[in-house]
Structure formats: structure tokens, C-alpha cells
């Protein structure tokens, strides 16, 4: 079984350099993967999804 790390919103915001509200706006616009449910009042994101988002933005910004 592969090891997957789940990040909570403050860690996602720190890693992406975006605010929490921007992250939810990106989710609404289909530009960021939605969180996974961890419990009744807890969500998180797979670290691999966050890394993919960052990598795509780095690649796009370096094309210009």
C-alpha cells in the first residue's frame, strides 16, 4: 500500500502561498481539487494533489 499524506487547510494555504478563501475560490472554479472528508467537521487534501497544483503553476509561469 502506498503512503499518502493528508494536509489540512492551513498547510495547503502555506504551501500554495494562497489564502484559504482563494483556495476555495479555485475549487469552485475547477482549478484546484476539492478536499476529502476526514470526519463530520474535518477535511484535508492529498499532498500529491497540492504538489501537482504547484508544479502546474510553476510550469505555466516558466513558459512565458
PDB file of N, CA and C in Angstrom:
ATOM      1  N   UNK A   1       0.847  -1.182   0.000  1.00  0.00           N
ATOM      2  CA  UNK A   1       0.000   0.000   0.000  1.00  0.00           C
ATOM      3  C   UNK A   1       0.893   1.245   0.000  1.00  0.00           C
ATOM      4  N   UNK A   2       0.548   2.222  -0.807  1.00  0.00           N
ATOM      5  CA  UNK A   2       1.360   3.441  -0.888  1.00  0.00           C
ATOM      6  C   UNK A   2       1.030   4.394   0.252  1.00  0.00           C
ATOM      7  N   UNK A   3       2.030   5.145   0.631  1.00  0.00           N
ATOM      8  CA  UNK A   3       1.879   6.121   1.712  1.00  0.00           C
ATOM      9  C   UNK A   3       1.389   7.441   1.134  1.00  0.00           C
ATOM     10  N   UNK A   4       0.292   7.962   1.654  1.00  0.00           N
ATOM     11  CA  UNK A   4      -0.238   9.243   1.207  1.00  0.00           C
ATOM     12  C   UNK A   4      -0.428  10.143   2.415  1.00  0.00           C
ATOM     13  N   UNK A   5       0.037  11.373   2.291  1.00  0.00           N
ATOM     14  CA  UNK A   5      -0.090  12.334   3.376  1.00  0.00           C
ATOM     15  C   UNK A   5      -1.279  13.242   3.109  1.00  0.00           C
ATOM     16  N   UNK A   6      -2.047  13.499   4.151  1.00  0.00           N
ATOM     17  CA  UNK A   6      -3.189  14.399   4.060  1.00  0.00           C
ATOM     18  C   UNK A   6      -2.816  15.711   4.735  1.00  0.00           C
ATOM     19  N   UNK A   7      -3.052  16.812   4.029  1.00  0.00           N
ATOM     20  CA  UNK A   7      -2.757  18.150   4.546  1.00  0.00           C
ATOM     21  C   UNK A   7      -4.053  18.858   4.909  1.00  0.00           C
ATOM     22  N   UNK A   8      -4.038  19.543   6.021  1.00  0.00           N
ATOM     23  CA  UNK A   8      -5.183  20.356   6.423  1.00  0.00           C
ATOM     24  C   UNK A   8      -5.044  21.732   5.774  1.00  0.00           C
ATOM     25  N   UNK A   9      -6.111  22.516   5.809  1.00  0.00           N
ATOM     26  CA  UNK A   9      -6.178  23.792   5.095  1.00  0.00           C
ATOM     27  C   UNK A   9      -5.028  24.753   5.420  1.00  0.00           C
ATOM     28  N   UNK A  10      -4.638  24.954   6.674  1.00  0.00           N
ATOM     29  CA  UNK A  10      -3.525  25.880   6.919  1.00  0.00           C
ATOM     30  C   UNK A  10      -2.231  25.468   6.206  1.00  0.00           C
ATOM     31  N   UNK A  11      -1.965  24.167   6.139  1.00  0.00           N
ATOM     32  CA  UNK A  11      -0.772  23.688   5.446  1.00  0.00           C
ATOM     33  C   UNK A  11      -0.890  23.876   3.936  1.00  0.00           C
ATOM     34  N   UNK A  12      -2.080  23.653   3.406  1.00  0.00           N
ATOM     35  CA  UNK A  12      -2.306  23.858   1.971  1.00  0.00           C
ATOM     36  C   UNK A  12      -2.111  25.333   1.631  1.00  0.00           C
ATOM     37  N   UNK A  13      -2.660  26.203   2.456  1.00  0.00           N
ATOM     38  CA  UNK A  13      -2.514  27.647   2.218  1.00  0.00           C
ATOM     39  C   UNK A  13      -1.038  28.049   2.269  1.00  0.00           C
ATOM     40  N   UNK A  14      -0.307  27.529   3.221  1.00  0.00           N
ATOM     41  CA  UNK A  14       1.105  27.870   3.335  1.00  0.00           C
ATOM     42  C   UNK A  14       1.888  27.362   2.126  1.00  0.00           C
ATOM     43  N   UNK A  15       1.652  26.146   1.721  1.00  0.00           N
ATOM     44  CA  UNK A  15       2.400  25.563   0.607  1.00  0.00           C
ATOM     45  C   UNK A  15       2.098  26.233  -0.722  1.00  0.00           C
ATOM     46  N   UNK A  16       0.857  26.653  -0.920  1.00  0.00           N
ATOM     47  CA  UNK A  16       0.493  27.280  -2.195  1.00  0.00           C
ATOM     48  C   UNK A  16       0.731  28.785  -2.191  1.00  0.00           C
ATOM     49  N   UNK A  17       0.876  29.365  -1.011  1.00  0.00           N
ATOM     50  CA  UNK A  17       1.028  30.814  -0.925  1.00  0.00           C
ATOM     51  C   UNK A  17      -0.283  31.545  -1.144  1.00  0.00           C
ATOM     52  N   UNK A  18      -1.381  30.825  -1.019  1.00  0.00           N
ATOM     53  CA  UNK A  18      -2.716  31.395  -1.229  1.00  0.00           C
ATOM     54  C   UNK A  18      -3.480  31.415   0.093  1.00  0.00           C
ATOM     55  N   UNK A  19      -4.434  32.326   0.185  1.00  0.00           N
ATOM     56  CA  UNK A  19      -5.291  32.368   1.370  1.00  0.00           C
ATOM     57  C   UNK A  19      -6.315  31.241   1.292  1.00  0.00           C
ATOM     58  N   UNK A  20      -6.940  30.968   2.406  1.00  0.00           N
ATOM     59  CA  UNK A  20      -7.971  29.938   2.463  1.00  0.00           C
ATOM     60  C   UNK A  20      -9.128  30.264   1.519  1.00  0.00           C
ATOM     61  N   UNK A  21      -9.514  31.532   1.475  1.00  0.00           N
ATOM     62  CA  UNK A  21     -10.629  31.919   0.602  1.00  0.00           C
ATOM     63  C   UNK A  21     -10.259  31.764  -0.873  1.00  0.00           C
ATOM     64  N   UNK A  22      -9.018  32.028  -1.224  1.00  0.00           N
ATOM     65  CA  UNK A  22      -8.573  31.836  -2.615  1.00  0.00           C
ATOM     66  C   UNK A  22      -8.599  30.354  -2.972  1.00  0.00           C
ATOM     67  N   UNK A  23      -8.182  29.508  -2.055  1.00  0.00           N
ATOM     68  CA  UNK A  23      -8.203  28.064  -2.316  1.00  0.00           C
ATOM     69  C   UNK A  23      -9.626  27.605  -2.599  1.00  0.00           C
ATOM     70  N   UNK A  24     -10.591  28.030  -1.779  1.00  0.00           N
ATOM     71  CA  UNK A  24     -11.974  27.630  -2.016  1.00  0.00           C
ATOM     72  C   UNK A  24     -12.534  28.240  -3.303  1.00  0.00           C
ATOM     73  N   UNK A  25     -12.078  29.419  -3.667  1.00  0.00           N
ATOM     74  CA  UNK A  25     -12.478  30.022  -4.936  1.00  0.00           C
ATOM     75  C   UNK A  25     -11.922  29.206  -6.109  1.00  0.00           C
ATOM     76  N   UNK A  26     -10.684  28.758  -5.998  1.00  0.00           N
ATOM     77  CA  UNK A  26     -10.081  27.927  -7.045  1.00  0.00           C
ATOM     78  C   UNK A  26     -10.818  26.594  -7.169  1.00  0.00           C
ATOM     79  N   UNK A  27     -11.256  26.040  -6.045  1.00  0.00           N
ATOM     80  CA  UNK A  27     -12.035  24.800  -6.072  1.00  0.00           C
ATOM     81  C   UNK A  27     -13.347  25.028  -6.812  1.00  0.00           C
ATOM     82  N   UNK A  28     -14.013  26.125  -6.484  1.00  0.00           N
ATOM     83  CA  UNK A  28     -15.293  26.450  -7.123  1.00  0.00           C
ATOM     84  C   UNK A  28     -15.134  26.601  -8.634  1.00  0.00           C
ATOM     85  N   UNK A  29     -13.993  27.166  -9.060  1.00  0.00           N
ATOM     86  CA  UNK A  29     -13.725  27.381 -10.486  1.00  0.00           C
ATOM     87  C   UNK A  29     -13.149  26.147 -11.176  1.00  0.00           C
ATOM     88  N   UNK A  30     -12.951  25.058 -10.428  1.00  0.00           N
ATOM     89  CA  UNK A  30     -12.430  23.825 -11.002  1.00  0.00           C
ATOM     90  C   UNK A  30     -10.929  23.829 -11.228  1.00  0.00           C
ATOM     91  N   UNK A  31     -10.213  24.754 -10.596  1.00  0.00           N
ATOM     92  CA  UNK A  31      -8.772  24.869 -10.793  1.00  0.00           C
ATOM     93  C   UNK A  31      -7.968  24.181  -9.694  1.00  0.00           C
ATOM     94  N   UNK A  32      -8.628  23.728  -8.630  1.00  0.00           N
ATOM     95  CA  UNK A  32      -7.967  23.081  -7.504  1.00  0.00           C
ATOM     96  C   UNK A  32      -8.846  21.917  -7.083  1.00  0.00           C
ATOM     97  N   UNK A  33      -8.241  20.773  -6.792  1.00  0.00           N
ATOM     98  CA  UNK A  33      -9.040  19.602  -6.418  1.00  0.00           C
ATOM     99  C   UNK A  33      -9.750  19.835  -5.090  1.00  0.00           C
ATOM    100  N   UNK A  34     -10.988  19.381  -4.984  1.00  0.00           N
ATOM    101  CA  UNK A  34     -11.728  19.547  -3.724  1.00  0.00           C
ATOM    102  C   UNK A  34     -11.136  18.680  -2.625  1.00  0.00           C
ATOM    103  N   UNK A  35     -11.409  19.028  -1.381  1.00  0.00           N
ATOM    104  CA  UNK A  35     -10.868  18.256  -0.269  1.00  0.00           C
ATOM    105  C   UNK A  35     -11.577  16.908  -0.120  1.00  0.00           C
ATOM    106  N   UNK A  36     -10.947  16.051   0.649  1.00  0.00           N
ATOM    107  CA  UNK A  36     -11.575  14.787   1.008  1.00  0.00           C
ATOM    108  C   UNK A  36     -12.114  14.918   2.431  1.00  0.00           C
ATOM    109  N   UNK A  37     -13.217  14.281   2.694  1.00  0.00           N
ATOM    110  CA  UNK A  37     -13.813  14.325   4.035  1.00  0.00           C
ATOM    111  C   UNK A  37     -13.033  13.431   4.979  1.00  0.00           C
ATOM    112  N   UNK A  38     -12.687  13.981   6.141  1.00  0.00           N
ATOM    113  CA  UNK A  38     -11.972  13.232   7.162  1.00  0.00           C
ATOM    114  C   UNK A  38     -12.867  12.896   8.349  1.00  0.00           C
ATOM    115  N   UNK A  39     -13.961  13.591   8.443  1.00  0.00           N
ATOM    116  CA  UNK A  39     -14.890  13.384   9.547  1.00  0.00           C
ATOM    117  C   UNK A  39     -16.043  14.350   9.415  1.00  0.00           C
ATOM    118  N   UNK A  40     -16.823  14.461  10.472  1.00  0.00           N
ATOM    119  CA  UNK A  40     -18.012  15.309  10.439  1.00  0.00           C
ATOM    120  C   UNK A  40     -17.684  16.773  10.153  1.00  0.00           C
ATOM    121  N   UNK A  41     -16.569  17.265  10.698  1.00  0.00           N
ATOM    122  CA  UNK A  41     -16.217  18.677  10.517  1.00  0.00           C
ATOM    123  C   UNK A  41     -14.758  18.862  10.128  1.00  0.00           C
ATOM    124  N   UNK A  42     -14.208  17.896   9.404  1.00  0.00           N
ATOM    125  CA  UNK A  42     -12.799  17.972   9.039  1.00  0.00           C
ATOM    126  C   UNK A  42     -12.597  17.541   7.592  1.00  0.00           C
ATOM    127  N   UNK A  43     -11.790  18.300   6.877  1.00  0.00           N
ATOM    128  CA  UNK A  43     -11.428  17.965   5.503  1.00  0.00           C
ATOM    129  C   UNK A  43      -9.916  18.105   5.351  1.00  0.00           C
ATOM    130  N   UNK A  44      -9.402  17.516   4.300  1.00  0.00           N
ATOM    131  CA  UNK A  44      -7.986  17.621   4.007  1.00  0.00           C
ATOM    132  C   UNK A  44      -7.738  17.368   2.533  1.00  0.00           C
ATOM    133  N   UNK A  45      -6.525  17.628   2.107  1.00  0.00           N
ATOM    134  CA  UNK A  45      -6.126  17.446   0.717  1.00  0.00           C
ATOM    135  C   UNK A  45      -4.951  16.490   0.662  1.00  0.00           C
ATOM    136  N   UNK A  46      -4.895  15.677  -0.377  1.00  0.00           N
ATOM    137  CA  UNK A  46      -3.742  14.820  -0.559  1.00  0.00           C
ATOM    138  C   UNK A  46      -2.536  15.692  -0.914  1.00  0.00           C
ATOM    139  N   UNK A  47      -1.421  15.417  -0.289  1.00  0.00           N
ATOM    140  CA  UNK A  47      -0.208  16.178  -0.551  1.00  0.00           C
ATOM    141  C   UNK A  47       0.170  16.090  -2.032  1.00  0.00           C
ATOM    142  N   UNK A  48      -0.077  14.949  -2.646  1.00  0.00           N
ATOM    143  CA  UNK A  48       0.242  14.783  -4.064  1.00  0.00           C
ATOM    144  C   UNK A  48      -0.600  15.708  -4.942  1.00  0.00           C
ATOM    145  N   UNK A  49      -1.852  15.948  -4.571  1.00  0.00           N
ATOM    146  CA  UNK A  49      -2.707  16.875  -5.329  1.00  0.00           C
ATOM    147  C   UNK A  49      -2.204  18.309  -5.200  1.00  0.00           C
ATOM    148  N   UNK A  50      -1.783  18.682  -3.994  1.00  0.00           N
ATOM    149  CA  UNK A  50      -1.265  20.031  -3.760  1.00  0.00           C
ATOM    150  C   UNK A  50       0.041  20.215  -4.518  1.00  0.00           C
ATOM    151  N   UNK A  51       0.907  19.220  -4.480  1.00  0.00           N
ATOM    152  CA  UNK A  51       2.181  19.297  -5.201  1.00  0.00           C
ATOM    153  C   UNK A  51       1.949  19.392  -6.705  1.00  0.00           C
ATOM    154  N   UNK A  52       0.962  18.666  -7.201  1.00  0.00           N
ATOM    155  CA  UNK A  52       0.620  18.743  -8.627  1.00  0.00           C
ATOM    156  C   UNK A  52       0.146  20.127  -9.027  1.00  0.00           C
ATOM    157  N   UNK A  53      -0.661  20.738  -8.189  1.00  0.00           N
ATOM    158  CA  UNK A  53      -1.144  22.101  -8.442  1.00  0.00           C
ATOM    159  C   UNK A  53       0.031  23.075  -8.509  1.00  0.00           C
ATOM    160  N   UNK A  54       0.936  22.966  -7.545  1.00  0.00           N
ATOM    161  CA  UNK A  54       2.100  23.857  -7.506  1.00  0.00           C
ATOM    162  C   UNK A  54       2.970  23.628  -8.740  1.00  0.00           C
ATOM    163  N   UNK A  55       3.222  22.374  -9.061  1.00  0.00           N
ATOM    164  CA  UNK A  55       4.045  22.049 -10.228  1.00  0.00           C
ATOM    165  C   UNK A  55       3.463  22.581 -11.525  1.00  0.00           C
ATOM    166  N   UNK A  56       2.151  22.488 -11.674  1.00  0.00           N
ATOM    167  CA  UNK A  56       1.500  23.000 -12.884  1.00  0.00           C
ATOM    168  C   UNK A  56       1.647  24.513 -12.985  1.00  0.00           C
ATOM    169  N   UNK A  57       1.559  25.207 -11.869  1.00  0.00           N
ATOM    170  CA  UNK A  57       1.705  26.667 -11.888  1.00  0.00           C
ATOM    171  C   UNK A  57       3.147  27.080 -12.176  1.00  0.00           C
ATOM    172  N   UNK A  58       4.091  26.328 -11.643  1.00  0.00           N
ATOM    173  CA  UNK A  58       5.499  26.623 -11.931  1.00  0.00           C
ATOM    174  C   UNK A  58       5.754  26.423 -13.422  1.00  0.00           C
ATOM    175  N   UNK A  59       5.281  25.313 -13.970  1.00  0.00           N
ATOM    176  CA  UNK A  59       5.474  25.024 -15.388  1.00  0.00           C
ATOM    177  C   UNK A  59       4.840  26.107 -16.270  1.00  0.00           C
ATOM    178  N   UNK A  60       3.618  26.506 -15.933  1.00  0.00           N
ATOM    179  CA  UNK A  60       2.912  27.538 -16.713  1.00  0.00           C
ATOM    180  C   UNK A  60       3.618  28.882 -16.628  1.00  0.00           C
ATOM    181  N   UNK A  61       4.146  29.226 -15.470  1.00  0.00           N
ATOM    182  CA  UNK A  61       4.775  30.534 -15.320  1.00  0.00           C
ATOM    183  C   UNK A  61       6.130  30.597 -16.004  1.00  0.00           C
ATOM    184  N   UNK A  62       6.769  29.469 -16.182  1.00  0.00           N
ATOM    185  CA  UNK A  62       8.092  29.458 -16.806  1.00  0.00           C
ATOM    186  C   UNK A  62       8.011  29.347 -18.329  1.00  0.00           C
ATOM    187  N   UNK A  63       6.832  29.106 -18.866  1.00  0.00           N
ATOM    188  CA  UNK A  63       6.647  29.092 -20.318  1.00  0.00           C
ATOM    189  C   UNK A  63       6.703  30.505 -20.886  1.00  0.00           C
ATOM    190  N   UNK A  64       6.271  31.475 -20.080  1.00  0.00           N
ATOM    191  CA  UNK A  64       6.151  32.856 -20.561  1.00  0.00           C
ATOM    192  C   UNK A  64       7.487  33.494 -20.777  1.00  0.00           C
TER     193      UNK A  64
END
